[in-house]
Amino acid sequence: MIIGSISENKNLEKRISITPEISKKYISSGFKVKMEKGIAEHIGIKDEEFVKEGCSLDTRENILKESDILLQMNLPTEENLKHLKEKNLLIGNFNINNNQDIINKFKKKLSIFSLEMLPRITRAQSMDILSSQANLAGYKAVIDSFSLFKKAIPMMMTAAGTIPAAKVLIVGAGVAGLQAIATAKRMGAIVYATDVRMASKEQVESLGGKFLVVEGSENLETEGGYAKEASEDFKKKQESLIYETLKKIDVVICTALIPGKKAPKIINEHMIENMQPGSVIYDLAASQGGNAAYTKVDEIVEKNGVIIVGESIILNKLPVSASNLYAKNLFNFVLNIYDKKEKVMNINLEDEIISKTLIR
């Protein structure tokens, strides 16, 4: 069977779906691998590295026509999808909410798997693209926000006096938020965190963060482990708590998202007005509307001396690391649906991993 991958729109996406290391694993598992020429040269991986591992290089058109399985980061264009064979497997991260029309047009012709819908079960952890990518996003958000902050991060005691440690607030303690906490702590910051899921409290504190508990809060967590929308009463109590906390905060990292919905607006205009000039808000939820007022996608805005960064494609700043993890996630998913003995794909809908990710 032939596994292929074509170049993404490099203006929007720097990551790739198959690395040379992972292509070798596909080949040793019995697949042939075809890559579009020049697919990874923008991140320093030359075509020769794929050839060395046994891949063949070809044109985009030939790969689309000949591949049995196409692995991508984002949904290919409608024009590219037209060239795929009947019953071809298309696997990636296809943002169903934004691409419903084009997916509906091709889902009868193709078996389309979108891995952001993976169930949160132990067996699926090695395939969990959301976690692997969010982990890197949380780390990079801290690094970028600290580079914009015009003071030192750790406490420093010098003969000339003491520099206090920077205070950081992490909004949303999912995978990205927890990595942001760990990174900020390693760099010497005092870290606070808030989340609607009470289960996050223990995780935050295990990393050295201080969890902000909303009075009378309930555990707003779905069975799948994601956050769900809070009640109006909870929002008011959370708003009061965050308002007071932000007066002493230097850097805010926003990561709060609700799957399939607009990002909750947690930091409003009034809160920003009372923050210290020179503070930084780094909003990773920008592409879904943002957690902070004034957030603009891929722009840096300044309000009352507070710098607000809206980030939508942060992993383009770490494309090599992100590609390595993403490619491993895809490889583990492909092996889960591949019958190595019979050398056929086994779409077993009784397997929760397959049934939850297959778009029907």
Protein backbone atom coordinates (compact mmCIF):
# COMPACT_ATOMS: atom_id res chain seq x y z
CA MET A 1 0.00 0.00 0.00
CA ILE A 2 1.18 3.52 -0.78
CA ILE A 3 1.23 6.25 1.84
CA GLY A 4 1.68 9.77 0.48
CA SER A 5 1.88 13.35 1.62
CA ILE A 6 1.83 16.60 -0.33
CA SER A 7 3.07 20.07 0.59
CA GLU A 8 0.84 22.26 2.74
CA ASN A 9 0.26 25.94 1.99
CA LYS A 10 3.56 27.10 3.47
CA ASN A 11 2.24 30.63 4.05
CA LEU A 12 -0.17 29.15 6.59
CA GLU A 13 1.41 25.88 7.70
CA LYS A 14 5.08 25.01 8.23
CA ARG A 15 4.57 21.56 9.77
CA ILE A 16 4.80 18.30 7.81
CA SER A 17 3.03 14.98 8.36
CA ILE A 18 5.82 12.49 7.62
CA THR A 19 9.42 12.95 8.74
CA PRO A 20 12.36 10.91 7.41
CA GLU A 21 12.53 8.98 10.71
CA ILE A 22 8.83 8.06 10.53
CA SER A 23 8.95 7.25 6.80
CA LYS A 24 11.50 4.55 7.66
CA LYS A 25 9.04 3.06 10.16
CA TYR A 26 6.24 3.00 7.57
CA ILE A 27 8.48 1.23 5.08
CA SER A 28 9.60 -1.37 7.63
CA SER A 29 5.89 -1.97 8.37
CA GLY A 30 5.27 -2.89 4.73
CA PHE A 31 4.18 0.42 3.14
CA LYS A 32 5.62 2.36 0.24
CA VAL A 33 6.03 6.08 0.94
CA LYS A 34 5.74 8.84 -1.66
CA MET A 35 6.57 12.46 -0.82
CA GLU A 36 6.13 15.60 -2.88
CA LYS A 37 9.45 17.05 -4.01
CA GLY A 38 10.69 19.83 -1.71
CA ILE A 39 8.02 19.10 0.92
CA ALA A 40 10.26 19.86 3.92
CA GLU A 41 13.10 21.99 2.58
CA HIS A 42 11.62 25.08 4.31
CA ILE A 43 12.39 23.48 7.71
CA GLY A 44 15.85 22.27 6.73
CA ILE A 45 14.98 18.70 5.71
CA LYS A 46 16.29 17.95 2.22
CA ASP A 47 14.69 15.52 -0.23
CA GLU A 48 17.81 13.35 -0.01
CA GLU A 49 16.98 12.54 3.63
CA PHE A 50 13.66 10.98 2.58
CA VAL A 51 15.28 9.11 -0.32
CA LYS A 52 17.94 7.76 2.04
CA GLU A 53 15.20 6.15 4.15
CA GLY A 54 13.59 4.51 1.11
CA CYS A 55 10.94 7.07 0.11
CA SER A 56 10.26 7.98 -3.49
CA LEU A 57 9.76 11.58 -4.57
CA ASP A 58 7.05 12.52 -7.04
CA THR A 59 4.79 15.30 -8.26
CA ARG A 60 1.72 16.36 -6.32
CA GLU A 61 -0.63 15.08 -9.01
CA ASN A 62 0.92 11.60 -9.09
CA ILE A 63 0.90 11.30 -5.30
CA LEU A 64 -2.79 12.22 -5.15
CA LYS A 65 -3.68 9.72 -7.87
CA GLU A 66 -1.57 6.81 -6.61
CA SER A 67 -1.70 6.98 -2.82
CA ASP A 68 -3.97 4.65 -0.85
CA ILE A 69 -3.51 6.77 2.28
CA LEU A 70 -2.87 10.51 2.27
CA LEU A 71 -1.48 12.04 5.46
CA GLN A 72 -1.82 15.79 5.91
CA MET A 73 -1.78 18.46 8.60
CA ASN A 74 -4.72 20.46 7.19
CA LEU A 75 -7.58 19.60 4.85
CA PRO A 76 -6.39 19.64 1.21
CA THR A 77 -8.10 21.99 -1.23
CA GLU A 78 -11.17 20.81 -3.10
CA GLU A 79 -9.10 20.70 -6.31
CA ASN A 80 -6.59 18.33 -4.70
CA LEU A 81 -9.32 16.16 -3.17
CA LYS A 82 -10.82 15.58 -6.62
CA HIS A 83 -7.68 13.70 -7.68
CA LEU A 84 -7.83 11.15 -4.85
CA LYS A 85 -8.90 7.60 -5.59
CA GLU A 86 -12.25 6.17 -4.47
CA LYS A 87 -12.07 4.78 -0.92
CA ASN A 88 -8.75 6.51 -0.35
CA LEU A 89 -7.96 7.13 3.35
CA LEU A 90 -7.38 10.77 4.27
CA ILE A 91 -5.95 11.32 7.76
CA GLY A 92 -5.10 14.58 9.52
CA ASN A 93 -6.40 17.46 11.62
CA PHE A 94 -9.24 18.83 9.53
CA ASN A 95 -11.08 21.29 11.77
CA ILE A 96 -14.53 19.93 11.04
CA ASN A 97 -16.44 22.96 12.31
CA ASN A 98 -14.78 25.24 9.74
CA ASN A 99 -14.61 22.75 6.86
CA GLN A 100 -17.99 21.01 7.07
CA ASP A 101 -19.13 21.85 3.52
CA ILE A 102 -16.08 20.51 1.70
CA ILE A 103 -15.88 17.44 3.97
CA ASN A 104 -19.55 16.61 3.30
CA LYS A 105 -18.84 16.77 -0.42
CA PHE A 106 -16.12 14.11 -0.27
CA LYS A 107 -16.93 11.89 2.73
CA LYS A 108 -18.86 9.37 0.58
CA LYS A 109 -15.92 9.02 -1.80
CA LEU A 110 -13.17 8.96 0.86
CA SER A 111 -12.67 7.61 4.36
CA ILE A 112 -11.78 10.84 6.20
CA PHE A 113 -10.29 10.62 9.69
CA SER A 114 -9.88 13.82 11.69
CA LEU A 115 -7.72 13.15 14.73
CA GLU A 116 -8.77 16.14 16.81
CA MET A 117 -11.84 13.98 17.59
CA LEU A 118 -9.84 11.19 19.22
CA PRO A 119 -11.43 9.93 22.44
CA ARG A 120 -9.48 10.68 25.60
CA ILE A 121 -8.69 7.08 26.51
CA THR A 122 -5.40 5.54 27.54
CA ARG A 123 -5.02 3.53 24.32
CA ALA A 124 -5.28 6.71 22.22
CA GLN A 125 -2.63 8.73 24.06
CA SER A 126 0.12 7.93 21.55
CA MET A 127 -2.11 9.28 18.76
CA ASP A 128 -3.33 12.40 20.58
CA ILE A 129 -2.40 15.26 18.24
CA LEU A 130 -4.13 17.89 20.38
CA SER A 131 -2.00 17.06 23.41
CA SER A 132 1.32 16.78 21.58
CA GLN A 133 0.83 20.08 19.78
CA ALA A 134 -0.70 21.94 22.74
CA ASN A 135 2.25 20.93 24.89
CA LEU A 136 4.63 22.75 22.53
CA ALA A 137 2.24 25.71 22.20
CA GLY A 138 2.19 26.24 25.97
CA TYR A 139 5.97 26.21 26.13
CA LYS A 140 6.42 28.60 23.21
CA ALA A 141 3.77 31.02 24.48
CA VAL A 142 5.76 31.51 27.68
CA ILE A 143 9.03 32.02 25.81
CA ASP A 144 7.49 34.56 23.43
CA SER A 145 5.61 36.48 26.13
CA PHE A 146 8.71 36.74 28.32
CA SER A 147 10.64 38.13 25.36
CA LEU A 148 8.08 40.98 25.17
CA PHE A 149 8.12 41.65 28.91
CA LYS A 150 10.63 44.35 29.72
CA LYS A 151 11.71 43.10 33.14
CA ALA A 152 13.67 40.11 34.44
CA ILE A 153 11.64 36.98 35.21
CA PRO A 154 13.32 35.35 38.22
CA MET A 155 13.99 37.03 41.54
CA MET A 156 17.55 38.41 41.58
CA MET A 157 19.41 39.56 44.67
CA THR A 158 22.26 41.90 43.87
CA ALA A 159 24.43 44.37 45.73
CA ALA A 160 22.39 47.11 44.09
CA GLY A 161 19.11 45.71 45.34
CA THR A 162 16.58 42.93 44.78
CA ILE A 163 14.57 42.39 41.60
CA PRO A 164 11.26 40.67 42.45
CA ALA A 165 10.13 37.60 40.49
CA ALA A 166 7.59 38.18 37.72
CA LYS A 167 4.03 37.04 38.45
CA VAL A 168 2.32 34.99 35.75
CA LEU A 169 -1.34 33.97 35.39
CA ILE A 170 -2.26 30.97 33.23
CA VAL A 171 -5.89 31.04 32.08
CA GLY A 172 -6.92 27.46 31.34
CA ALA A 173 -5.03 24.52 32.80
CA GLY A 174 -5.32 22.00 30.00
CA VAL A 175 -2.26 20.53 28.27
CA ALA A 176 -1.04 23.90 26.96
CA GLY A 177 -1.72 25.61 30.28
CA LEU A 178 0.09 22.98 32.33
CA GLN A 179 3.16 23.16 30.11
CA ALA A 180 3.02 26.97 30.38
CA ILE A 181 2.99 26.64 34.18
CA ALA A 182 5.96 24.27 34.15
CA THR A 183 7.95 26.47 31.76
CA ALA A 184 7.26 29.70 33.65
CA LYS A 185 8.20 28.05 36.96
CA ARG A 186 11.47 26.74 35.49
CA MET A 187 12.30 30.30 34.48
CA GLY A 188 11.75 31.58 38.02
CA ALA A 189 8.29 33.17 37.83
CA ILE A 190 5.59 33.03 40.51
CA VAL A 191 2.71 31.28 38.75
CA TYR A 192 -1.05 31.38 39.31
CA ALA A 193 -3.63 29.44 37.29
CA THR A 194 -7.39 29.30 36.86
CA ASP A 195 -9.65 26.72 35.21
CA VAL A 196 -13.32 25.75 35.35
CA ARG A 197 -12.35 22.11 36.01
CA MET A 198 -11.63 21.49 39.69
CA ALA A 199 -9.66 18.40 38.69
CA SER A 200 -6.99 20.82 37.43
CA LYS A 201 -6.23 22.09 40.94
CA GLU A 202 -4.08 19.11 41.89
CA GLN A 203 -2.23 19.18 38.56
CA VAL A 204 -1.49 22.91 38.86
CA GLU A 205 -0.21 22.58 42.40
CA SER A 206 1.96 19.57 41.51
CA LEU A 207 3.82 21.85 39.08
CA GLY A 208 4.32 24.55 41.71
CA GLY A 209 1.49 26.83 40.59
CA LYS A 210 -1.14 28.46 42.82
CA PHE A 211 -4.68 27.52 41.77
CA LEU A 212 -7.29 30.28 41.97
CA VAL A 213 -10.42 28.69 43.39
CA VAL A 214 -13.73 30.34 42.51
CA GLU A 215 -16.03 30.40 45.55
CA GLY A 216 -18.70 27.71 45.36
CA SER A 217 -17.28 26.40 42.09
CA GLU A 218 -18.47 23.19 40.49
CA ASN A 219 -16.45 20.81 38.34
CA LEU A 220 -17.22 21.92 34.78
CA GLU A 221 -15.64 19.00 32.98
CA THR A 222 -17.06 16.74 30.26
CA GLU A 223 -16.71 12.96 30.34
CA GLY A 224 -14.00 13.35 27.69
CA GLY A 225 -11.93 15.54 29.99
CA TYR A 226 -12.60 18.85 28.22
CA ALA A 227 -13.94 22.05 29.75
CA LYS A 228 -17.62 22.89 29.28
CA GLU A 229 -19.32 26.25 29.36
CA ALA A 230 -19.71 27.84 32.78
CA SER A 231 -22.93 29.22 34.29
CA GLU A 232 -23.50 32.97 34.55
CA ASP A 233 -23.09 32.80 38.33
CA PHE A 234 -19.72 31.08 37.99
CA LYS A 235 -18.60 33.63 35.39
CA LYS A 236 -19.40 36.53 37.73
CA LYS A 237 -17.48 34.99 40.62
CA GLN A 238 -14.55 34.13 38.34
CA GLU A 239 -14.56 37.67 36.94
CA SER A 240 -14.31 39.18 40.42
CA LEU A 241 -11.45 36.86 41.40
CA ILE A 242 -9.47 37.46 38.19
CA TYR A 243 -10.06 41.23 38.37
CA GLU A 244 -8.34 41.42 41.75
CA THR A 245 -5.59 38.98 40.76
CA LEU A 246 -4.68 40.82 37.53
CA LYS A 247 -3.75 43.98 39.46
CA LYS A 248 -0.52 42.26 40.52
CA ILE A 249 0.11 40.09 37.43
CA ASP A 250 2.89 40.81 34.92
CA VAL A 251 2.23 38.20 32.23
CA VAL A 252 -0.99 36.37 31.30
CA ILE A 253 -1.06 33.26 29.08
CA CYS A 254 -4.57 32.51 27.75
CA THR A 255 -5.28 28.91 26.71
CA ALA A 256 -8.97 28.38 27.61
CA LEU A 257 -10.99 26.71 24.84
CA ILE A 258 -14.30 24.87 24.60
CA PRO A 259 -14.31 22.30 21.74
CA GLY A 260 -16.54 23.38 18.88
CA LYS A 261 -17.45 26.74 20.44
CA LYS A 262 -16.19 30.29 20.58
CA ALA A 263 -13.47 30.83 23.18
CA PRO A 264 -14.84 32.14 26.51
CA LYS A 265 -14.12 35.84 27.09
CA ILE A 266 -12.44 35.77 30.50
CA ILE A 267 -10.40 38.99 30.59
CA ASN A 268 -12.58 42.02 29.83
CA GLU A 269 -11.80 45.67 29.08
CA HIS A 270 -12.27 46.74 32.70
CA MET A 271 -9.71 44.21 33.90
CA ILE A 272 -7.13 45.34 31.34
CA GLU A 273 -7.59 48.97 32.36
CA ASN A 274 -6.48 48.04 35.90
CA MET A 275 -3.43 46.00 34.91
CA GLN A 276 0.07 47.38 35.35
CA PRO A 277 1.54 49.19 32.30
CA GLY A 278 4.13 46.95 30.65
CA SER A 279 2.15 43.77 31.38
CA VAL A 280 1.74 41.22 28.59
CA ILE A 281 -1.31 39.13 27.62
CA TYR A 282 -0.50 36.27 25.24
CA ASP A 283 -3.74 34.84 23.83
CA LEU A 284 -3.46 31.35 22.33
CA ALA A 285 -7.26 31.26 21.91
CA ALA A 286 -7.17 34.09 19.34
CA SER A 287 -8.30 31.99 16.37
CA GLN A 288 -11.53 31.10 18.25
CA GLY A 289 -12.26 34.65 19.33
CA GLY A 290 -9.73 34.99 22.15
CA ASN A 291 -9.98 34.87 25.94
CA ALA A 292 -9.08 38.56 26.28
CA ALA A 293 -10.75 41.76 25.13
CA TYR A 294 -8.92 43.59 22.31
CA THR A 295 -7.29 40.35 21.04
CA LYS A 296 -6.72 40.45 17.28
CA VAL A 297 -5.59 37.38 15.37
CA ASP A 298 -1.84 37.46 14.64
CA GLU A 299 -1.52 41.07 15.78
CA ILE A 300 0.07 42.85 18.74
CA VAL A 301 -2.22 45.46 20.29
CA GLU A 302 -1.39 47.90 23.09
CA LYS A 303 -4.09 49.17 25.45
CA ASN A 304 -3.29 51.37 28.45
CA GLY A 305 0.31 50.20 28.28
CA VAL A 306 -0.69 46.50 28.26
CA ILE A 307 0.61 44.46 25.32
CA ILE A 308 -1.95 41.97 23.94
CA VAL A 309 -0.72 39.30 21.51
CA GLY A 310 -3.22 37.27 19.45
CA GLU A 311 -1.55 34.07 18.27
CA SER A 312 -3.13 31.58 15.86
CA ILE A 313 -0.21 29.66 14.33
CA ILE A 314 2.35 29.51 17.12
CA LEU A 315 3.57 26.05 16.09
CA ASN A 316 4.89 27.50 12.85
CA LYS A 317 7.60 28.88 15.16
CA LEU A 318 8.52 25.32 16.23
CA PRO A 319 7.86 23.40 13.00
CA VAL A 320 10.56 20.75 13.41
CA SER A 321 9.60 19.70 16.94
CA ALA A 322 5.88 19.94 16.13
CA SER A 323 6.29 17.85 12.94
CA ASN A 324 8.24 15.15 14.79
CA LEU A 325 5.46 14.71 17.34
CA TYR A 326 2.61 15.00 14.83
CA ALA A 327 4.21 12.45 12.47
CA LYS A 328 4.54 9.97 15.37
CA ASN A 329 0.88 10.51 16.30
CA LEU A 330 -0.20 9.75 12.74
CA PHE A 331 2.06 6.68 12.52
CA ASN A 332 0.52 5.21 15.67
CA PHE A 333 -2.98 5.87 14.30
CA VAL A 334 -2.19 4.23 10.94
CA LEU A 335 -0.81 1.12 12.68
CA ASN A 336 -4.04 0.91 14.67
CA ILE A 337 -6.08 0.52 11.48
CA TYR A 338 -3.55 -1.59 9.54
CA ASP A 339 -3.66 -5.40 9.45
CA LYS A 340 0.04 -6.11 9.04
CA LYS A 341 -0.49 -9.80 8.35
CA GLU A 342 -3.06 -9.31 5.58
CA LYS A 343 -1.55 -5.97 4.46
CA VAL A 344 -4.97 -4.27 4.36
CA MET A 345 -6.62 -1.44 6.27
CA ASN A 346 -9.14 -2.68 8.81
CA ILE A 347 -11.79 -0.04 9.50
CA ASN A 348 -13.28 -1.67 12.58
CA LEU A 349 -16.10 0.59 13.76
CA GLU A 350 -16.29 -1.29 17.05
CA ASP A 351 -12.95 0.31 17.90
CA GLU A 352 -13.75 3.59 19.66
CA ILE A 353 -10.63 5.24 18.23
CA ILE A 354 -11.80 4.55 14.68
CA SER A 355 -15.50 5.23 15.14
CA LYS A 356 -14.92 8.58 16.88
CA THR A 357 -12.46 9.92 14.30
CA LEU A 358 -14.12 8.69 11.07
CA ILE A 359 -16.32 11.38 9.57
CA ARG A 360 -19.59 9.79 8.44
